[in-house]
Amino acid sequence: VFLGVRLPILQGGTFAFVAPSLAMLSLPAWKCPEWT
């Protein structure tokens, strides 16, 4: 709002990274341990 294009819109999180994040976290190296 103050430094950018000055449009009164809310900048929020994006879902564009959710699918790749879930894919990355589902790799065998990043599986949660059984005790969790």
All heavy atoms as atom14 arrays in JSON, in Angstrom:
{
  "sequence": "VFLGVRLPILQGGTFAFVAPSLAMLSLPAWKCPEWT",
  "atom14_mask": [
    [1, 1, 1, 1, 1, 1, 1, 0, 0, 0, 0, 0, 0, 0],
    [1, 1, 1, 1, 1, 1, 1, 1, 1, 1, 1, 0, 0, 0],
    [1, 1, 1, 1, 1, 1, 1, 1, 0, 0, 0, 0, 0, 0],
    [1, 1, 1, 1, 0, 0, 0, 0, 0, 0, 0, 0, 0, 0],
    [1, 1, 1, 1, 1, 1, 1, 0, 0, 0, 0, 0, 0, 0],
    [1, 1, 1, 1, 1, 1, 1, 1, 1, 1, 1, 0, 0, 0],
    [1, 1, 1, 1, 1, 1, 1, 1, 0, 0, 0, 0, 0, 0],
    [1, 1, 1, 1, 1, 1, 1, 0, 0, 0, 0, 0, 0, 0],
    [1, 1, 1, 1, 1, 1, 1, 1, 0, 0, 0, 0, 0, 0],
    [1, 1, 1, 1, 1, 1, 1, 1, 0, 0, 0, 0, 0, 0],
    [1, 1, 1, 1, 1, 1, 1, 1, 1, 0, 0, 0, 0, 0],
    [1, 1, 1, 1, 0, 0, 0, 0, 0, 0, 0, 0, 0, 0],
    [1, 1, 1, 1, 0, 0, 0, 0, 0, 0, 0, 0, 0, 0],
    [1, 1, 1, 1, 1, 1, 1, 0, 0, 0, 0, 0, 0, 0],
    [1, 1, 1, 1, 1, 1, 1, 1, 1, 1, 1, 0, 0, 0],
    [1, 1, 1, 1, 1, 0, 0, 0, 0, 0, 0, 0, 0, 0],
    [1, 1, 1, 1, 1, 1, 1, 1, 1, 1, 1, 0, 0, 0],
    [1, 1, 1, 1, 1, 1, 1, 0, 0, 0, 0, 0, 0, 0],
    [1, 1, 1, 1, 1, 0, 0, 0, 0, 0, 0, 0, 0, 0],
    [1, 1, 1, 1, 1, 1, 1, 0, 0, 0, 0, 0, 0, 0],
    [1, 1, 1, 1, 1, 1, 0, 0, 0, 0, 0, 0, 0, 0],
    [1, 1, 1, 1, 1, 1, 1, 1, 0, 0, 0, 0, 0, 0],
    [1, 1, 1, 1, 1, 0, 0, 0, 0, 0, 0, 0, 0, 0],
    [1, 1, 1, 1, 1, 1, 1, 1, 0, 0, 0, 0, 0, 0],
    [1, 1, 1, 1, 1, 1, 1, 1, 0, 0, 0, 0, 0, 0],
    [1, 1, 1, 1, 1, 1, 0, 0, 0, 0, 0, 0, 0, 0],
    [1, 1, 1, 1, 1, 1, 1, 1, 0, 0, 0, 0, 0, 0],
    [1, 1, 1, 1, 1, 1, 1, 0, 0, 0, 0, 0, 0, 0],
    [1, 1, 1, 1, 1, 0, 0, 0, 0, 0, 0, 0, 0, 0],
    [1, 1, 1, 1, 1, 1, 1, 1, 1, 1, 1, 1, 1, 1],
    [1, 1, 1, 1, 1, 1, 1, 1, 1, 0, 0, 0, 0, 0],
    [1, 1, 1, 1, 1, 1, 0, 0, 0, 0, 0, 0, 0, 0],
    [1, 1, 1, 1, 1, 1, 1, 0, 0, 0, 0, 0, 0, 0],
    [1, 1, 1, 1, 1, 1, 1, 1, 1, 0, 0, 0, 0, 0],
    [1, 1, 1, 1, 1, 1, 1, 1, 1, 1, 1, 1, 1, 1],
    [1, 1, 1, 1, 1, 1, 1, 0, 0, 0, 0, 0, 0, 0]
  ],
  "atom14_positions": [
    [[0.83, -1.21, 0.0], [0.0, 0.0, 0.0], [0.86, 1.26, 0.0], [0.57, 2.23, -0.7], [-0.96, 0.0, 1.21], [-1.6, 1.36, 1.43], [-2.03, -1.05, 1.02], [0.0, 0.0, 0.0], [0.0, 0.0, 0.0], [0.0, 0.0, 0.0], [0.0, 0.0, 0.0], [0.0, 0.0, 0.0], [0.0, 0.0, 0.0], [0.0, 0.0, 0.0]],
    [[1.96, 1.26, 0.76], [2.77, 2.48, 0.88], [3.91, 2.56, -0.13], [4.29, 3.64, -0.53], [3.31, 2.6, 2.3], [2.24, 2.86, 3.31], [2.01, 1.96, 4.33], [1.46, 4.0, 3.24], [1.01, 2.19, 5.26], [0.46, 4.24, 4.17], [0.24, 3.32, 5.19], [0.0, 0.0, 0.0], [0.0, 0.0, 0.0], [0.0, 0.0, 0.0]],
    [[4.48, 1.42, -0.52], [5.64, 1.46, -1.42], [5.36, 0.82, -2.78], [6.05, 1.11, -3.74], [6.83, 0.73, -0.77], [7.28, 1.27, 0.58], [8.38, 0.4, 1.15], [7.75, 2.7, 0.44], [0.0, 0.0, 0.0], [0.0, 0.0, 0.0], [0.0, 0.0, 0.0], [0.0, 0.0, 0.0], [0.0, 0.0, 0.0], [0.0, 0.0, 0.0]],
    [[4.39, -0.05, -2.86], [4.12, -0.77, -4.11], [3.23, 0.03, -5.04], [3.37, 1.25, -5.16], [0.0, 0.0, 0.0], [0.0, 0.0, 0.0], [0.0, 0.0, 0.0], [0.0, 0.0, 0.0], [0.0, 0.0, 0.0], [0.0, 0.0, 0.0], [0.0, 0.0, 0.0], [0.0, 0.0, 0.0], [0.0, 0.0, 0.0], [0.0, 0.0, 0.0]],
    [[2.29, -0.66, -5.64], [1.4, 0.0, -6.6], [0.26, 0.74, -5.91], [-0.6, 1.31, -6.57], [0.84, -1.01, -7.62], [1.94, -1.53, -8.5], [0.11, -2.12, -6.93], [0.0, 0.0, 0.0], [0.0, 0.0, 0.0], [0.0, 0.0, 0.0], [0.0, 0.0, 0.0], [0.0, 0.0, 0.0], [0.0, 0.0, 0.0], [0.0, 0.0, 0.0]],
    [[0.23, 0.7, -4.6], [-0.69, 1.47, -3.76], [-2.15, 1.11, -3.96], [-3.03, 1.97, -3.88], [-0.45, 2.97, -3.97], [0.92, 3.4, -3.49], [1.11, 4.89, -3.6], [2.34, 5.27, -2.94], [3.48, 5.48, -3.59], [3.54, 5.34, -4.88], [4.55, 5.83, -2.91], [0.0, 0.0, 0.0], [0.0, 0.0, 0.0], [0.0, 0.0, 0.0]],
    [[-2.42, -0.13, -4.22], [-3.8, -0.6, -4.29], [-4.23, -1.11, -2.92], [-3.46, -1.81, -2.25], [-3.95, -1.72, -5.33], [-3.73, -1.32, -6.77], [-3.77, -2.54, -7.66], [-4.77, -0.3, -7.2], [0.0, 0.0, 0.0], [0.0, 0.0, 0.0], [0.0, 0.0, 0.0], [0.0, 0.0, 0.0], [0.0, 0.0, 0.0], [0.0, 0.0, 0.0]],
    [[-5.41, -0.77, -2.45], [-5.84, -1.21, -1.11], [-6.35, -2.65, -1.12], [-7.54, -2.91, -0.94], [-6.95, -0.22, -0.78], [-7.53, 0.12, -2.11], [-6.39, 0.1, -3.09], [0.0, 0.0, 0.0], [0.0, 0.0, 0.0], [0.0, 0.0, 0.0], [0.0, 0.0, 0.0], [0.0, 0.0, 0.0], [0.0, 0.0, 0.0], [0.0, 0.0, 0.0]],
    [[-5.46, -3.59, -1.36], [-5.83, -5.01, -1.35], [-4.98, -5.75, -0.34], [-3.86, -5.34, -0.03], [-5.7, -5.65, -2.74], [-4.28, -5.49, -3.28], [-6.69, -5.06, -3.71], [-4.02, -6.22, -4.56], [0.0, 0.0, 0.0], [0.0, 0.0, 0.0], [0.0, 0.0, 0.0], [0.0, 0.0, 0.0], [0.0, 0.0, 0.0], [0.0, 0.0, 0.0]],
    [[-5.53, -6.83, 0.17], [-4.83, -7.64, 1.18], [-3.88, -8.59, 0.48], [-4.27, -9.31, -0.44], [-5.86, -8.43, 1.99], [-5.28, -9.37, 3.05], [-4.77, -8.55, 4.21], [-6.32, -10.34, 3.51], [0.0, 0.0, 0.0], [0.0, 0.0, 0.0], [0.0, 0.0, 0.0], [0.0, 0.0, 0.0], [0.0, 0.0, 0.0], [0.0, 0.0, 0.0]],
    [[-2.63, -8.57, 0.89], [-1.65, -9.52, 0.37], [-1.66, -10.74, 1.28], [-1.37, -10.63, 2.46], [-0.25, -8.89, 0.35], [-0.14, -7.67, -0.53], [-0.34, -7.99, -1.98], [0.16, -8.99, -2.48], [-1.1, -7.16, -2.66], [0.0, 0.0, 0.0], [0.0, 0.0, 0.0], [0.0, 0.0, 0.0], [0.0, 0.0, 0.0], [0.0, 0.0, 0.0]],
    [[-2.01, -11.87, 0.75], [-2.13, -13.08, 1.57], [-1.23, -14.19, 1.09], [-0.42, -14.03, 0.19], [0.0, 0.0, 0.0], [0.0, 0.0, 0.0], [0.0, 0.0, 0.0], [0.0, 0.0, 0.0], [0.0, 0.0, 0.0], [0.0, 0.0, 0.0], [0.0, 0.0, 0.0], [0.0, 0.0, 0.0], [0.0, 0.0, 0.0], [0.0, 0.0, 0.0]],
    [[-1.4, -15.34, 1.72], [-0.65, -16.52, 1.33], [-1.15, -17.04, -0.01], [-2.27, -16.75, -0.44], [0.0, 0.0, 0.0], [0.0, 0.0, 0.0], [0.0, 0.0, 0.0], [0.0, 0.0, 0.0], [0.0, 0.0, 0.0], [0.0, 0.0, 0.0], [0.0, 0.0, 0.0], [0.0, 0.0, 0.0], [0.0, 0.0, 0.0], [0.0, 0.0, 0.0]],
    [[-0.33, -17.8, -0.68], [-0.7, -18.33, -1.97], [-0.81, -19.84, -1.92], [-0.07, -20.5, -1.19], [0.32, -17.9, -3.05], [-0.06, -18.49, -4.29], [1.72, -18.35, -2.71], [0.0, 0.0, 0.0], [0.0, 0.0, 0.0], [0.0, 0.0, 0.0], [0.0, 0.0, 0.0], [0.0, 0.0, 0.0], [0.0, 0.0, 0.0], [0.0, 0.0, 0.0]],
    [[-1.75, -20.37, -2.67], [-1.9, -21.81, -2.77], [-1.0, -22.39, -3.85], [-0.96, -23.59, -4.04], [-3.35, -22.18, -3.04], [-4.21, -22.12, -1.82], [-4.9, -20.98, -1.5], [-4.32, -23.22, -0.99], [-5.68, -20.92, -0.36], [-5.09, -23.17, 0.14], [-5.78, -22.02, 0.45], [0.0, 0.0, 0.0], [0.0, 0.0, 0.0], [0.0, 0.0, 0.0]],
    [[-0.3, -21.53, -4.59], [0.55, -22.02, -5.67], [1.67, -22.9, -5.14], [2.13, -23.81, -5.84], [1.13, -20.83, -6.44], [0.0, 0.0, 0.0], [0.0, 0.0, 0.0], [0.0, 0.0, 0.0], [0.0, 0.0, 0.0], [0.0, 0.0, 0.0], [0.0, 0.0, 0.0], [0.0, 0.0, 0.0], [0.0, 0.0, 0.0], [0.0, 0.0, 0.0]],
    [[2.13, -22.65, -3.92], [3.23, -23.43, -3.37], [2.76, -24.61, -2.52], [3.57, -25.39, -2.05], [4.15, -22.54, -2.52], [4.82, -21.46, -3.3], [4.64, -20.14, -2.99], [5.65, -21.77, -4.37], [5.26, -19.13, -3.7], [6.28, -20.79, -5.1], [6.08, -19.45, -4.76], [0.0, 0.0, 0.0], [0.0, 0.0, 0.0], [0.0, 0.0, 0.0]],
    [[1.45, -24.73, -2.28], [0.97, -25.8, -1.4], [1.15, -27.17, -2.04], [1.65, -28.1, -1.4], [-0.5, -25.55, -0.99], [-1.05, -26.74, -0.22], [-0.59, -24.31, -0.13], [0.0, 0.0, 0.0], [0.0, 0.0, 0.0], [0.0, 0.0, 0.0], [0.0, 0.0, 0.0], [0.0, 0.0, 0.0], [0.0, 0.0, 0.0], [0.0, 0.0, 0.0]],
    [[0.76, -27.32, -3.29], [0.88, -28.62, -3.96], [2.35, -29.06, -4.07], [2.67, -30.21, -3.73], [0.2, -28.59, -5.32], [0.0, 0.0, 0.0], [0.0, 0.0, 0.0], [0.0, 0.0, 0.0], [0.0, 0.0, 0.0], [0.0, 0.0, 0.0], [0.0, 0.0, 0.0], [0.0, 0.0, 0.0], [0.0, 0.0, 0.0], [0.0, 0.0, 0.0]],
    [[3.29, -28.19, -4.51], [4.69, -28.61, -4.51], [5.23, -28.89, -3.1], [6.06, -29.78, -2.92], [5.43, -27.45, -5.15], [4.42, -26.66, -5.86], [3.11, -26.91, -5.18], [0.0, 0.0, 0.0], [0.0, 0.0, 0.0], [0.0, 0.0, 0.0], [0.0, 0.0, 0.0], [0.0, 0.0, 0.0], [0.0, 0.0, 0.0], [0.0, 0.0, 0.0]],
    [[4.75, -28.12, -2.12], [5.19, -28.35, -0.74], [4.74, -29.71, -0.25], [5.51, -30.45, 0.39], [4.65, -27.27, 0.19], [5.12, -26.02, -0.18], [0.0, 0.0, 0.0], [0.0, 0.0, 0.0], [0.0, 0.0, 0.0], [0.0, 0.0, 0.0], [0.0, 0.0, 0.0], [0.0, 0.0, 0.0], [0.0, 0.0, 0.0], [0.0, 0.0, 0.0]],
    [[3.48, -30.06, -0.52], [2.98, -31.38, -0.12], [3.73, -32.49, -0.85], [4.02, -33.54, -0.27], [1.48, -31.47, -0.39], [0.58, -30.62, 0.5], [-0.87, -30.71, 0.03], [0.7, -31.05, 1.95], [0.0, 0.0, 0.0], [0.0, 0.0, 0.0], [0.0, 0.0, 0.0], [0.0, 0.0, 0.0], [0.0, 0.0, 0.0], [0.0, 0.0, 0.0]],
    [[4.06, -32.25, -2.12], [4.82, -33.25, -2.88], [6.22, -33.42, -2.28], [6.7, -34.55, -2.13], [4.9, -32.85, -4.34], [0.0, 0.0, 0.0], [0.0, 0.0, 0.0], [0.0, 0.0, 0.0], [0.0, 0.0, 0.0], [0.0, 0.0, 0.0], [0.0, 0.0, 0.0], [0.0, 0.0, 0.0], [0.0, 0.0, 0.0], [0.0, 0.0, 0.0]],
    [[6.86, -32.31, -1.93], [8.2, -32.39, -1.35], [8.18, -33.07, 0.02], [9.02, -33.92, 0.32], [8.78, -30.98, -1.21], [10.23, -30.97, -0.77], [10.84, -29.31, -0.59], [10.53, -29.05, 1.13], [0.0, 0.0, 0.0], [0.0, 0.0, 0.0], [0.0, 0.0, 0.0], [0.0, 0.0, 0.0], [0.0, 0.0, 0.0], [0.0, 0.0, 0.0]],
    [[7.18, -32.74, 0.84], [7.11, -33.33, 2.17], [6.65, -34.78, 2.16], [6.75, -35.47, 3.17], [6.19, -32.49, 3.06], [6.73, -31.11, 3.44], [5.67, -30.29, 4.14], [7.97, -31.23, 4.29], [0.0, 0.0, 0.0], [0.0, 0.0, 0.0], [0.0, 0.0, 0.0], [0.0, 0.0, 0.0], [0.0, 0.0, 0.0], [0.0, 0.0, 0.0]],
    [[6.14, -35.26, 1.03], [5.74, -36.67, 0.95], [6.86, -37.57, 0.47], [6.68, -38.78, 0.39], [4.52, -36.82, 0.03], [4.89, -36.54, -1.3], [0.0, 0.0, 0.0], [0.0, 0.0, 0.0], [0.0, 0.0, 0.0], [0.0, 0.0, 0.0], [0.0, 0.0, 0.0], [0.0, 0.0, 0.0], [0.0, 0.0, 0.0], [0.0, 0.0, 0.0]],
    [[8.02, -37.0, 0.17], [9.17, -37.81, -0.22], [9.6, -38.69, 0.95], [9.41, -38.32, 2.12], [10.33, -36.91, -0.65], [10.14, -36.12, -1.94], [11.28, -35.13, -2.13], [10.05, -37.06, -3.12], [0.0, 0.0, 0.0], [0.0, 0.0, 0.0], [0.0, 0.0, 0.0], [0.0, 0.0, 0.0], [0.0, 0.0, 0.0], [0.0, 0.0, 0.0]],
    [[10.19, -39.85, 0.68], [10.59, -40.75, 1.78], [11.54, -40.1, 2.79], [11.48, -40.42, 3.97], [11.28, -41.91, 1.05], [10.73, -41.88, -0.34], [10.41, -40.45, -0.64], [0.0, 0.0, 0.0], [0.0, 0.0, 0.0], [0.0, 0.0, 0.0], [0.0, 0.0, 0.0], [0.0, 0.0, 0.0], [0.0, 0.0, 0.0], [0.0, 0.0, 0.0]],
    [[12.37, -39.19, 2.35], [13.31, -38.54, 3.27], [12.6, -37.65, 4.28], [13.14, -37.38, 5.36], [14.32, -37.71, 2.48], [0.0, 0.0, 0.0], [0.0, 0.0, 0.0], [0.0, 0.0, 0.0], [0.0, 0.0, 0.0], [0.0, 0.0, 0.0], [0.0, 0.0, 0.0], [0.0, 0.0, 0.0], [0.0, 0.0, 0.0], [0.0, 0.0, 0.0]],
    [[11.39, -37.19, 3.97], [10.69, -36.25, 4.83], [9.44, -36.84, 5.46], [8.6, -36.11, 5.97], [10.32, -34.97, 4.07], [11.54, -34.25, 3.62], [12.01, -34.16, 2.35], [12.46, -33.56, 4.44], [13.17, -33.43, 2.34], [13.48, -33.05, 3.61], [12.55, -33.32, 5.81], [14.55, -32.32, 4.1], [13.62, -32.59, 6.3], [14.6, -32.11, 5.45]],
    [[9.31, -38.15, 5.46], [8.17, -38.79, 6.14], [8.31, -38.58, 7.64], [9.4, -38.63, 8.2], [8.13, -40.3, 5.85], [7.74, -40.63, 4.44], [6.27, -40.49, 4.27], [5.86, -40.96, 2.89], [4.54, -40.6, 2.53], [0.0, 0.0, 0.0], [0.0, 0.0, 0.0], [0.0, 0.0, 0.0], [0.0, 0.0, 0.0], [0.0, 0.0, 0.0]],
    [[7.2, -38.35, 8.29], [7.2, -38.16, 9.75], [7.5, -39.49, 10.43], [7.01, -40.54, 9.99], [5.85, -37.63, 10.22], [5.49, -35.97, 9.64], [0.0, 0.0, 0.0], [0.0, 0.0, 0.0], [0.0, 0.0, 0.0], [0.0, 0.0, 0.0], [0.0, 0.0, 0.0], [0.0, 0.0, 0.0], [0.0, 0.0, 0.0], [0.0, 0.0, 0.0]],
    [[8.27, -39.47, 11.52], [8.51, -40.71, 12.26], [7.21, -41.25, 12.85], [6.27, -40.51, 13.11], [9.47, -40.28, 13.38], [9.98, -38.95, 13.0], [9.0, -38.34, 12.07], [0.0, 0.0, 0.0], [0.0, 0.0, 0.0], [0.0, 0.0, 0.0], [0.0, 0.0, 0.0], [0.0, 0.0, 0.0], [0.0, 0.0, 0.0], [0.0, 0.0, 0.0]],
    [[7.19, -42.54, 13.08], [5.98, -43.2, 13.59], [5.52, -42.63, 14.93], [4.34, -42.55, 15.19], [6.21, -44.71, 13.72], [6.32, -45.43, 12.38], [5.04, -45.37, 11.58], [3.96, -45.45, 12.18], [5.13, -45.23, 10.36], [0.0, 0.0, 0.0], [0.0, 0.0, 0.0], [0.0, 0.0, 0.0], [0.0, 0.0, 0.0], [0.0, 0.0, 0.0]],
    [[6.46, -42.23, 15.78], [6.07, -41.76, 17.11], [5.32, -40.43, 17.05], [4.64, -40.06, 17.99], [7.28, -41.66, 18.04], [8.4, -40.78, 17.57], [9.47, -41.14, 16.82], [8.54, -39.37, 17.82], [10.27, -40.04, 16.57], [9.72, -38.96, 17.18], [7.79, -38.43, 18.52], [10.18, -37.65, 17.22], [8.24, -37.12, 18.56], [9.43, -36.76, 17.91]],
    [[5.43, -39.68, 15.93], [4.71, -38.42, 15.84], [3.23, -38.62, 15.51], [2.44, -37.7, 15.65], [5.33, -37.49, 14.78], [5.27, -38.13, 13.51], [6.76, -37.14, 15.13], [0.0, 0.0, 0.0], [0.0, 0.0, 0.0], [0.0, 0.0, 0.0], [0.0, 0.0, 0.0], [0.0, 0.0, 0.0], [0.0, 0.0, 0.0], [0.0, 0.0, 0.0]]
  ]
}
